[in-house]
Amino acid sequence: MIVNESDRLALKVFSVEDEEAAKNFWGNAEVMVHCGGPTPHEMLGKVLMSYQACHEKKGLSVYAVVEKETSEVIGAAGFNVASGLEKVELIYHLSKDSWGKGYATEAAVACTEIAKQTDGVETIFASADPHNVSSTKILEKAGFQFIEMKWFDDTNQEEPYFEYQILQDDK
């Protein structure tokens, strides 16, 4: 099920059929070098199904990024939803073949549009490894504001922390 589209990309709810494609981003050590390393291939099916369940339960999740021209799943973008929808975390990971084409920025903007249309979302936040300058540029291009350097226990480091405030006018 497609949840949003941009000029070149479609964002769709993950399905088990996307497991092989997910090896090219979540299962790839080079892609995940700034994100704690790759997900073991045998875990990818569970990850995809958890994101599908999150979308069904909360109406917001991480989605498969599909290149419209080829119909290939080239990455993932969307939201980690901790408890409520008030404050959600934007993530994006694209296969290495898709780097440098503006897809991550396009996907991030498409995700913010989904959040604007989702009742209850007030703030989107994101962080990036301080060595991943490309990711911080993506967040800035997508309209996120740098807030501060912030410590993250899951990565065991201080990272640039960004927010995107959703105004009532955006809804």
N, C-alpha and C. Protein backbone atom coordinates (compact mmCIF):
# COMPACT_ATOMS: atom_id res chain seq x y z
N MET A 1 0.83 -1.18 0.00
CA MET A 1 0.00 0.00 0.00
C MET A 1 0.88 1.25 0.00
N ILE A 2 0.70 2.11 -0.96
CA ILE A 2 1.46 3.36 -1.07
C ILE A 2 0.87 4.39 -0.12
N VAL A 3 1.74 5.04 0.67
CA VAL A 3 1.29 6.04 1.63
C VAL A 3 1.60 7.47 1.19
N ASN A 4 2.57 7.63 0.28
CA ASN A 4 2.87 8.95 -0.27
C ASN A 4 3.79 8.78 -1.48
N GLU A 5 3.77 9.79 -2.35
CA GLU A 5 4.63 9.79 -3.52
C GLU A 5 5.26 11.16 -3.69
N SER A 6 6.45 11.16 -4.28
CA SER A 6 7.11 12.39 -4.69
C SER A 6 7.33 12.26 -6.20
N ASP A 7 8.12 13.14 -6.76
CA ASP A 7 8.36 13.06 -8.20
C ASP A 7 8.94 11.72 -8.63
N ARG A 8 9.95 11.25 -7.90
CA ARG A 8 10.67 10.05 -8.32
C ARG A 8 10.47 8.84 -7.42
N LEU A 9 9.85 9.05 -6.28
CA LEU A 9 9.77 7.98 -5.28
C LEU A 9 8.34 7.73 -4.83
N ALA A 10 8.11 6.50 -4.39
CA ALA A 10 6.87 6.15 -3.70
C ALA A 10 7.27 5.56 -2.35
N LEU A 11 6.51 5.88 -1.33
CA LEU A 11 6.71 5.27 -0.01
C LEU A 11 5.56 4.31 0.20
N LYS A 12 5.90 3.05 0.52
CA LYS A 12 4.86 2.04 0.71
C LYS A 12 5.10 1.27 1.99
N VAL A 13 4.02 0.69 2.51
CA VAL A 13 4.12 -0.15 3.69
C VAL A 13 4.97 -1.37 3.33
N PHE A 14 5.91 -1.70 4.21
CA PHE A 14 6.76 -2.87 3.98
C PHE A 14 5.93 -4.15 3.94
N SER A 15 6.40 -5.09 3.13
CA SER A 15 5.83 -6.44 3.10
C SER A 15 6.98 -7.43 3.14
N VAL A 16 6.66 -8.69 3.38
CA VAL A 16 7.69 -9.72 3.47
C VAL A 16 8.45 -9.86 2.14
N GLU A 17 7.83 -9.48 1.04
CA GLU A 17 8.48 -9.54 -0.28
C GLU A 17 9.64 -8.56 -0.41
N ASP A 18 9.74 -7.62 0.52
CA ASP A 18 10.80 -6.61 0.47
C ASP A 18 12.07 -7.05 1.20
N GLU A 19 12.07 -8.26 1.74
CA GLU A 19 13.20 -8.73 2.55
C GLU A 19 14.51 -8.78 1.76
N GLU A 20 14.49 -9.26 0.55
CA GLU A 20 15.71 -9.35 -0.25
C GLU A 20 16.28 -7.96 -0.52
N ALA A 21 15.42 -7.02 -0.87
CA ALA A 21 15.87 -5.64 -1.12
C ALA A 21 16.46 -5.01 0.14
N ALA A 22 15.89 -5.34 1.30
CA ALA A 22 16.36 -4.76 2.57
C ALA A 22 17.80 -5.14 2.88
N LYS A 23 18.26 -6.24 2.31
CA LYS A 23 19.66 -6.64 2.51
C LYS A 23 20.61 -5.60 1.93
N ASN A 24 20.15 -4.84 0.92
CA ASN A 24 20.99 -3.84 0.26
C ASN A 24 21.12 -2.55 1.07
N PHE A 25 20.28 -2.36 2.06
CA PHE A 25 20.45 -1.18 2.92
C PHE A 25 20.61 -1.61 4.37
N TRP A 26 19.62 -2.15 5.03
CA TRP A 26 19.77 -2.52 6.44
C TRP A 26 20.77 -3.65 6.65
N GLY A 27 20.93 -4.51 5.67
CA GLY A 27 21.85 -5.63 5.80
C GLY A 27 23.25 -5.33 5.29
N ASN A 28 23.51 -4.10 4.89
CA ASN A 28 24.78 -3.73 4.28
C ASN A 28 25.65 -2.95 5.28
N ALA A 29 26.83 -3.46 5.56
CA ALA A 29 27.72 -2.84 6.55
C ALA A 29 28.11 -1.42 6.18
N GLU A 30 28.37 -1.16 4.91
CA GLU A 30 28.78 0.19 4.50
C GLU A 30 27.64 1.20 4.66
N VAL A 31 26.44 0.79 4.32
CA VAL A 31 25.28 1.67 4.47
C VAL A 31 25.02 1.97 5.95
N MET A 32 25.19 0.97 6.79
CA MET A 32 24.83 1.09 8.20
C MET A 32 26.02 1.44 9.11
N VAL A 33 27.14 1.84 8.54
CA VAL A 33 28.34 2.12 9.32
C VAL A 33 28.10 3.18 10.40
N HIS A 34 27.25 4.16 10.14
CA HIS A 34 26.98 5.23 11.10
C HIS A 34 25.77 4.94 11.98
N CYS A 35 25.22 3.74 11.86
CA CYS A 35 23.96 3.42 12.54
C CYS A 35 24.04 2.14 13.35
N GLY A 36 25.20 1.83 13.86
CA GLY A 36 25.34 0.66 14.71
C GLY A 36 25.57 -0.64 13.98
N GLY A 37 25.79 -0.58 12.69
CA GLY A 37 26.09 -1.79 11.93
C GLY A 37 24.86 -2.41 11.29
N PRO A 38 25.08 -3.38 10.42
CA PRO A 38 23.98 -3.97 9.66
C PRO A 38 23.09 -4.86 10.53
N THR A 39 21.85 -4.99 10.11
CA THR A 39 20.93 -5.93 10.74
C THR A 39 21.22 -7.31 10.15
N PRO A 40 21.34 -8.33 11.00
CA PRO A 40 21.56 -9.69 10.47
C PRO A 40 20.44 -10.07 9.50
N HIS A 41 20.81 -10.65 8.37
CA HIS A 41 19.83 -10.97 7.33
C HIS A 41 18.67 -11.79 7.85
N GLU A 42 18.93 -12.72 8.78
CA GLU A 42 17.86 -13.57 9.28
C GLU A 42 16.84 -12.79 10.14
N MET A 43 17.17 -11.56 10.52
CA MET A 43 16.25 -10.73 11.32
C MET A 43 15.41 -9.78 10.47
N LEU A 44 15.77 -9.62 9.21
CA LEU A 44 15.10 -8.61 8.37
C LEU A 44 13.60 -8.85 8.23
N GLY A 45 13.19 -10.08 8.08
CA GLY A 45 11.75 -10.37 7.95
C GLY A 45 10.97 -9.88 9.16
N LYS A 46 11.50 -10.10 10.35
CA LYS A 46 10.85 -9.64 11.58
C LYS A 46 10.81 -8.12 11.63
N VAL A 47 11.88 -7.48 11.21
CA VAL A 47 11.92 -6.02 11.19
C VAL A 47 10.84 -5.48 10.26
N LEU A 48 10.74 -6.04 9.06
CA LEU A 48 9.74 -5.58 8.10
C LEU A 48 8.32 -5.75 8.64
N MET A 49 8.06 -6.90 9.26
CA MET A 49 6.73 -7.17 9.79
C MET A 49 6.41 -6.25 10.98
N SER A 50 7.42 -5.89 11.76
CA SER A 50 7.17 -4.97 12.88
C SER A 50 6.81 -3.58 12.36
N TYR A 51 7.44 -3.15 11.28
CA TYR A 51 7.07 -1.86 10.70
C TYR A 51 5.69 -1.91 10.06
N GLN A 52 5.34 -3.02 9.46
CA GLN A 52 3.99 -3.18 8.90
C GLN A 52 2.95 -3.11 10.03
N ALA A 53 3.21 -3.80 11.13
CA ALA A 53 2.29 -3.79 12.27
C ALA A 53 2.19 -2.39 12.88
N CYS A 54 3.30 -1.68 12.95
CA CYS A 54 3.29 -0.31 13.48
C CYS A 54 2.39 0.58 12.64
N HIS A 55 2.48 0.46 11.31
CA HIS A 55 1.63 1.26 10.44
C HIS A 55 0.15 0.93 10.68
N GLU A 56 -0.16 -0.35 10.80
CA GLU A 56 -1.55 -0.76 11.01
C GLU A 56 -2.08 -0.28 12.34
N LYS A 57 -1.24 -0.30 13.38
CA LYS A 57 -1.68 0.06 14.72
C LYS A 57 -1.68 1.57 14.96
N LYS A 58 -0.64 2.26 14.48
CA LYS A 58 -0.47 3.67 14.82
C LYS A 58 -0.65 4.63 13.65
N GLY A 59 -0.75 4.09 12.42
CA GLY A 59 -0.94 4.92 11.25
C GLY A 59 0.31 5.62 10.76
N LEU A 60 1.44 5.26 11.33
CA LEU A 60 2.72 5.88 10.97
C LEU A 60 3.81 4.85 11.23
N SER A 61 4.82 4.81 10.36
CA SER A 61 5.86 3.80 10.51
C SER A 61 7.05 4.16 9.64
N VAL A 62 7.96 3.21 9.51
CA VAL A 62 9.05 3.29 8.53
C VAL A 62 8.55 2.58 7.29
N TYR A 63 8.82 3.15 6.12
CA TYR A 63 8.27 2.65 4.86
C TYR A 63 9.36 2.27 3.86
N ALA A 64 9.00 1.43 2.93
CA ALA A 64 9.88 1.08 1.84
C ALA A 64 9.92 2.26 0.87
N VAL A 65 11.12 2.63 0.44
CA VAL A 65 11.30 3.69 -0.56
C VAL A 65 11.45 3.00 -1.92
N VAL A 66 10.52 3.30 -2.81
CA VAL A 66 10.50 2.66 -4.13
C VAL A 66 10.84 3.69 -5.19
N GLU A 67 11.83 3.37 -6.00
CA GLU A 67 12.17 4.21 -7.15
C GLU A 67 11.10 3.96 -8.21
N LYS A 68 10.34 4.98 -8.54
CA LYS A 68 9.20 4.80 -9.46
C LYS A 68 9.64 4.31 -10.84
N GLU A 69 10.75 4.81 -11.34
CA GLU A 69 11.21 4.46 -12.68
C GLU A 69 11.48 2.96 -12.83
N THR A 70 12.00 2.35 -11.78
CA THR A 70 12.37 0.92 -11.85
C THR A 70 11.46 0.01 -11.03
N SER A 71 10.62 0.59 -10.18
CA SER A 71 9.77 -0.15 -9.23
C SER A 71 10.58 -0.94 -8.21
N GLU A 72 11.85 -0.58 -8.02
CA GLU A 72 12.74 -1.26 -7.08
C GLU A 72 12.67 -0.60 -5.71
N VAL A 73 12.69 -1.42 -4.65
CA VAL A 73 12.83 -0.90 -3.29
C VAL A 73 14.30 -0.56 -3.10
N ILE A 74 14.58 0.72 -2.88
CA ILE A 74 15.97 1.19 -2.78
C ILE A 74 16.35 1.61 -1.37
N GLY A 75 15.39 1.57 -0.46
CA GLY A 75 15.71 1.99 0.89
C GLY A 75 14.50 1.99 1.80
N ALA A 76 14.69 2.65 2.93
CA ALA A 76 13.64 2.79 3.94
C ALA A 76 13.67 4.22 4.46
N ALA A 77 12.49 4.75 4.73
CA ALA A 77 12.37 6.09 5.32
C ALA A 77 11.05 6.15 6.06
N GLY A 78 11.06 6.88 7.13
CA GLY A 78 9.83 7.02 7.89
C GLY A 78 10.13 7.25 9.35
N PHE A 79 9.26 6.71 10.20
CA PHE A 79 9.26 7.11 11.59
C PHE A 79 9.34 5.94 12.55
N ASN A 80 10.27 6.07 13.48
CA ASN A 80 10.26 5.20 14.65
C ASN A 80 9.30 5.85 15.63
N VAL A 81 8.29 5.10 16.03
CA VAL A 81 7.27 5.61 16.93
C VAL A 81 7.47 4.92 18.28
N ALA A 82 7.92 5.67 19.28
CA ALA A 82 8.20 5.07 20.60
C ALA A 82 6.90 4.73 21.30
N SER A 83 6.20 5.71 21.77
CA SER A 83 4.93 5.44 22.46
C SER A 83 3.81 6.19 21.75
N GLY A 84 3.70 7.47 22.01
CA GLY A 84 2.68 8.27 21.34
C GLY A 84 3.20 8.87 20.06
N LEU A 85 2.29 9.54 19.36
CA LEU A 85 2.63 10.15 18.07
C LEU A 85 3.09 11.60 18.19
N GLU A 86 3.04 12.17 19.39
CA GLU A 86 3.37 13.59 19.54
C GLU A 86 4.76 13.90 19.01
N LYS A 87 5.72 13.02 19.31
CA LYS A 87 7.11 13.25 18.92
C LYS A 87 7.64 11.96 18.31
N VAL A 88 7.94 11.99 17.01
CA VAL A 88 8.39 10.79 16.30
C VAL A 88 9.76 11.04 15.69
N GLU A 89 10.51 9.96 15.51
CA GLU A 89 11.87 10.05 14.99
C GLU A 89 11.91 9.70 13.50
N LEU A 90 12.45 10.60 12.69
CA LEU A 90 12.65 10.33 11.27
C LEU A 90 13.93 9.55 11.07
N ILE A 91 13.84 8.49 10.27
CA ILE A 91 15.03 7.76 9.85
C ILE A 91 14.99 7.59 8.33
N TYR A 92 16.15 7.37 7.74
CA TYR A 92 16.23 7.04 6.32
C TYR A 92 17.53 6.29 6.08
N HIS A 93 17.43 5.25 5.28
CA HIS A 93 18.60 4.45 4.88
C HIS A 93 18.38 4.05 3.43
N LEU A 94 19.34 4.34 2.58
CA LEU A 94 19.22 4.00 1.17
C LEU A 94 20.38 3.12 0.74
N SER A 95 20.10 2.23 -0.21
CA SER A 95 21.15 1.38 -0.75
C SER A 95 22.25 2.26 -1.36
N LYS A 96 23.47 1.77 -1.31
CA LYS A 96 24.62 2.55 -1.77
C LYS A 96 24.46 3.01 -3.22
N ASP A 97 23.86 2.18 -4.07
CA ASP A 97 23.64 2.55 -5.47
C ASP A 97 22.75 3.78 -5.62
N SER A 98 22.02 4.12 -4.56
CA SER A 98 21.09 5.24 -4.62
C SER A 98 21.64 6.53 -4.01
N TRP A 99 22.85 6.47 -3.49
CA TRP A 99 23.45 7.65 -2.87
C TRP A 99 23.78 8.71 -3.92
N GLY A 100 23.75 9.96 -3.49
CA GLY A 100 24.18 11.07 -4.33
C GLY A 100 23.18 11.50 -5.39
N LYS A 101 21.95 11.02 -5.31
CA LYS A 101 20.93 11.35 -6.31
C LYS A 101 19.81 12.21 -5.75
N GLY A 102 19.93 12.61 -4.48
CA GLY A 102 18.89 13.43 -3.86
C GLY A 102 17.70 12.63 -3.34
N TYR A 103 17.78 11.32 -3.41
CA TYR A 103 16.66 10.49 -2.97
C TYR A 103 16.38 10.60 -1.47
N ALA A 104 17.42 10.68 -0.64
CA ALA A 104 17.20 10.74 0.80
C ALA A 104 16.47 12.03 1.18
N THR A 105 16.86 13.14 0.58
CA THR A 105 16.16 14.40 0.84
C THR A 105 14.72 14.31 0.37
N GLU A 106 14.52 13.77 -0.82
CA GLU A 106 13.17 13.63 -1.38
C GLU A 106 12.32 12.73 -0.48
N ALA A 107 12.90 11.65 0.02
CA ALA A 107 12.16 10.75 0.91
C ALA A 107 11.86 11.42 2.25
N ALA A 108 12.83 12.17 2.79
CA ALA A 108 12.61 12.87 4.06
C ALA A 108 11.48 13.89 3.94
N VAL A 109 11.44 14.63 2.85
CA VAL A 109 10.37 15.61 2.63
C VAL A 109 9.03 14.88 2.49
N ALA A 110 9.00 13.78 1.75
CA ALA A 110 7.76 13.01 1.61
C ALA A 110 7.28 12.49 2.96
N CYS A 111 8.22 12.12 3.82
CA CYS A 111 7.86 11.66 5.16
C CYS A 111 7.27 12.79 6.00
N THR A 112 7.84 13.98 5.91
CA THR A 112 7.28 15.09 6.69
C THR A 112 5.86 15.39 6.24
N GLU A 113 5.58 15.21 4.96
CA GLU A 113 4.21 15.41 4.45
C GLU A 113 3.26 14.38 5.06
N ILE A 114 3.71 13.15 5.21
CA ILE A 114 2.88 12.11 5.86
C ILE A 114 2.60 12.53 7.31
N ALA A 115 3.62 12.97 8.02
CA ALA A 115 3.46 13.36 9.42
C ALA A 115 2.49 14.54 9.56
N LYS A 116 2.56 15.48 8.64
CA LYS A 116 1.65 16.64 8.68
C LYS A 116 0.20 16.20 8.57
N GLN A 117 -0.06 15.12 7.87
CA GLN A 117 -1.43 14.64 7.66
C GLN A 117 -1.87 13.63 8.73
N THR A 118 -0.99 13.33 9.68
CA THR A 118 -1.29 12.35 10.72
C THR A 118 -1.66 13.07 12.01
N ASP A 119 -2.88 12.85 12.47
CA ASP A 119 -3.35 13.49 13.70
C ASP A 119 -2.45 13.13 14.88
N GLY A 120 -2.12 14.12 15.66
CA GLY A 120 -1.36 13.90 16.87
C GLY A 120 0.13 14.19 16.75
N VAL A 121 0.66 14.21 15.54
CA VAL A 121 2.09 14.46 15.39
C VAL A 121 2.35 15.96 15.52
N GLU A 122 3.24 16.30 16.46
CA GLU A 122 3.59 17.70 16.70
C GLU A 122 5.04 18.00 16.34
N THR A 123 5.92 17.03 16.58
CA THR A 123 7.35 17.25 16.36
C THR A 123 7.95 16.00 15.74
N ILE A 124 8.79 16.23 14.74
CA ILE A 124 9.61 15.17 14.17
C ILE A 124 11.04 15.49 14.59
N PHE A 125 11.76 14.49 15.09
CA PHE A 125 13.14 14.72 15.43
C PHE A 125 14.03 13.75 14.68
N ALA A 126 15.28 14.11 14.57
CA ALA A 126 16.26 13.25 13.89
C ALA A 126 17.63 13.61 14.42
N SER A 127 18.51 12.65 14.35
CA SER A 127 19.91 12.90 14.69
C SER A 127 20.76 12.20 13.64
N ALA A 128 22.02 12.53 13.65
CA ALA A 128 22.94 11.93 12.68
C ALA A 128 24.29 11.73 13.34
N ASP A 129 24.98 10.72 12.91
CA ASP A 129 26.35 10.52 13.38
C ASP A 129 27.13 11.79 13.02
N PRO A 130 27.92 12.33 13.94
CA PRO A 130 28.64 13.57 13.66
C PRO A 130 29.62 13.46 12.48
N HIS A 131 30.00 12.25 12.11
CA HIS A 131 30.89 12.06 10.96
C HIS A 131 30.13 11.93 9.64
N ASN A 132 28.81 11.85 9.72
CA ASN A 132 28.00 11.69 8.52
C ASN A 132 27.44 13.06 8.10
N VAL A 133 28.30 13.86 7.51
CA VAL A 133 27.94 15.22 7.11
C VAL A 133 26.81 15.20 6.08
N SER A 134 26.78 14.21 5.21
CA SER A 134 25.71 14.12 4.20
C SER A 134 24.33 14.05 4.86
N SER A 135 24.24 13.30 5.94
CA SER A 135 22.95 13.16 6.61
C SER A 135 22.49 14.47 7.25
N THR A 136 23.40 15.22 7.84
CA THR A 136 23.00 16.51 8.42
C THR A 136 22.56 17.48 7.32
N LYS A 137 23.20 17.43 6.17
CA LYS A 137 22.78 18.28 5.04
C LYS A 137 21.39 17.91 4.55
N ILE A 138 21.09 16.60 4.54
CA ILE A 138 19.76 16.13 4.13
C ILE A 138 18.70 16.71 5.07
N LEU A 139 18.96 16.65 6.36
CA LEU A 139 17.99 17.16 7.33
C LEU A 139 17.78 18.66 7.14
N GLU A 140 18.84 19.39 6.93
CA GLU A 140 18.72 20.84 6.71
C GLU A 140 17.92 21.13 5.44
N LYS A 141 18.21 20.41 4.35
CA LYS A 141 17.47 20.61 3.09
C LYS A 141 16.00 20.28 3.24
N ALA A 142 15.68 19.32 4.13
CA ALA A 142 14.30 18.90 4.34
C ALA A 142 13.55 19.81 5.30
N GLY A 143 14.21 20.87 5.78
CA GLY A 143 13.53 21.86 6.61
C GLY A 143 13.67 21.65 8.11
N PHE A 144 14.54 20.74 8.53
CA PHE A 144 14.77 20.51 9.95
C PHE A 144 15.70 21.58 10.50
N GLN A 145 15.49 21.92 11.76
CA GLN A 145 16.31 22.93 12.42
C GLN A 145 17.25 22.25 13.41
N PHE A 146 18.53 22.63 13.35
CA PHE A 146 19.49 22.13 14.33
C PHE A 146 19.12 22.70 15.68
N ILE A 147 19.05 21.82 16.69
CA ILE A 147 18.70 22.26 18.04
C ILE A 147 19.93 22.29 18.94
N GLU A 148 20.67 21.18 19.00
CA GLU A 148 21.82 21.10 19.88
C GLU A 148 22.56 19.79 19.61
N MET A 149 23.75 19.71 20.19
CA MET A 149 24.45 18.43 20.26
C MET A 149 23.84 17.69 21.45
N LYS A 150 23.51 16.41 21.26
CA LYS A 150 22.79 15.67 22.30
C LYS A 150 23.36 14.27 22.43
N TRP A 151 23.45 13.78 23.66
CA TRP A 151 23.97 12.44 23.91
C TRP A 151 22.89 11.41 23.63
N PHE A 152 23.27 10.33 22.92
CA PHE A 152 22.37 9.21 22.63
C PHE A 152 22.98 7.94 23.19
N ASP A 153 22.25 7.32 24.12
CA ASP A 153 22.73 6.08 24.74
C ASP A 153 22.85 4.94 23.74
N ASP A 154 21.93 4.88 22.76
CA ASP A 154 21.95 3.75 21.82
C ASP A 154 23.18 3.76 20.92
N THR A 155 23.71 4.95 20.62
CA THR A 155 24.92 5.03 19.79
C THR A 155 26.16 5.35 20.63
N ASN A 156 25.92 5.66 21.91
CA ASN A 156 27.01 5.95 22.84
C ASN A 156 27.88 7.13 22.37
N GLN A 157 27.20 8.17 21.88
CA GLN A 157 27.93 9.35 21.43
C GLN A 157 27.02 10.58 21.41
N GLU A 158 27.66 11.72 21.32
CA GLU A 158 26.95 12.98 21.15
C GLU A 158 26.74 13.20 19.66
N GLU A 159 25.51 13.57 19.29
CA GLU A 159 25.17 13.74 17.87
C GLU A 159 24.41 15.04 17.65
N PRO A 160 24.50 15.61 16.45
CA PRO A 160 23.66 16.76 16.14
C PRO A 160 22.19 16.33 16.13
N TYR A 161 21.37 17.09 16.85
CA TYR A 161 19.96 16.78 17.04
C TYR A 161 19.13 17.85 16.34
N PHE A 162 18.17 17.42 15.54
CA PHE A 162 17.34 18.31 14.72
C PHE A 162 15.87 18.09 15.04
N GLU A 163 15.06 19.12 14.83
CA GLU A 163 13.61 18.99 14.96
C GLU A 163 12.91 19.70 13.81
N TYR A 164 11.73 19.20 13.53
CA TYR A 164 10.80 19.82 12.57
C TYR A 164 9.49 19.95 13.31
N GLN A 165 9.06 21.18 13.53
CA GLN A 165 7.81 21.44 14.24
C GLN A 165 6.66 21.49 13.23
N ILE A 166 5.61 20.74 13.53
CA ILE A 166 4.43 20.76 12.66
C ILE A 166 3.44 21.76 13.23
N LEU A 167 3.17 22.76 12.45
CA LEU A 167 2.26 23.81 12.87
C LEU A 167 0.83 23.44 12.49
N GLN A 168 -0.12 23.97 13.21
CA GLN A 168 -1.52 23.69 12.89
C GLN A 168 -1.86 24.10 11.45
N ASP A 169 -1.20 25.15 10.96
CA ASP A 169 -1.41 25.60 9.57
C ASP A 169 -1.00 24.55 8.55
N ASP A 170 -0.07 23.66 8.96
CA ASP A 170 0.43 22.61 8.05
C ASP A 170 -0.60 21.50 7.86
N LYS A 171 -1.53 21.38 8.77
CA LYS A 171 -2.47 20.24 8.76
C LYS A 171 -3.62 20.48 7.83
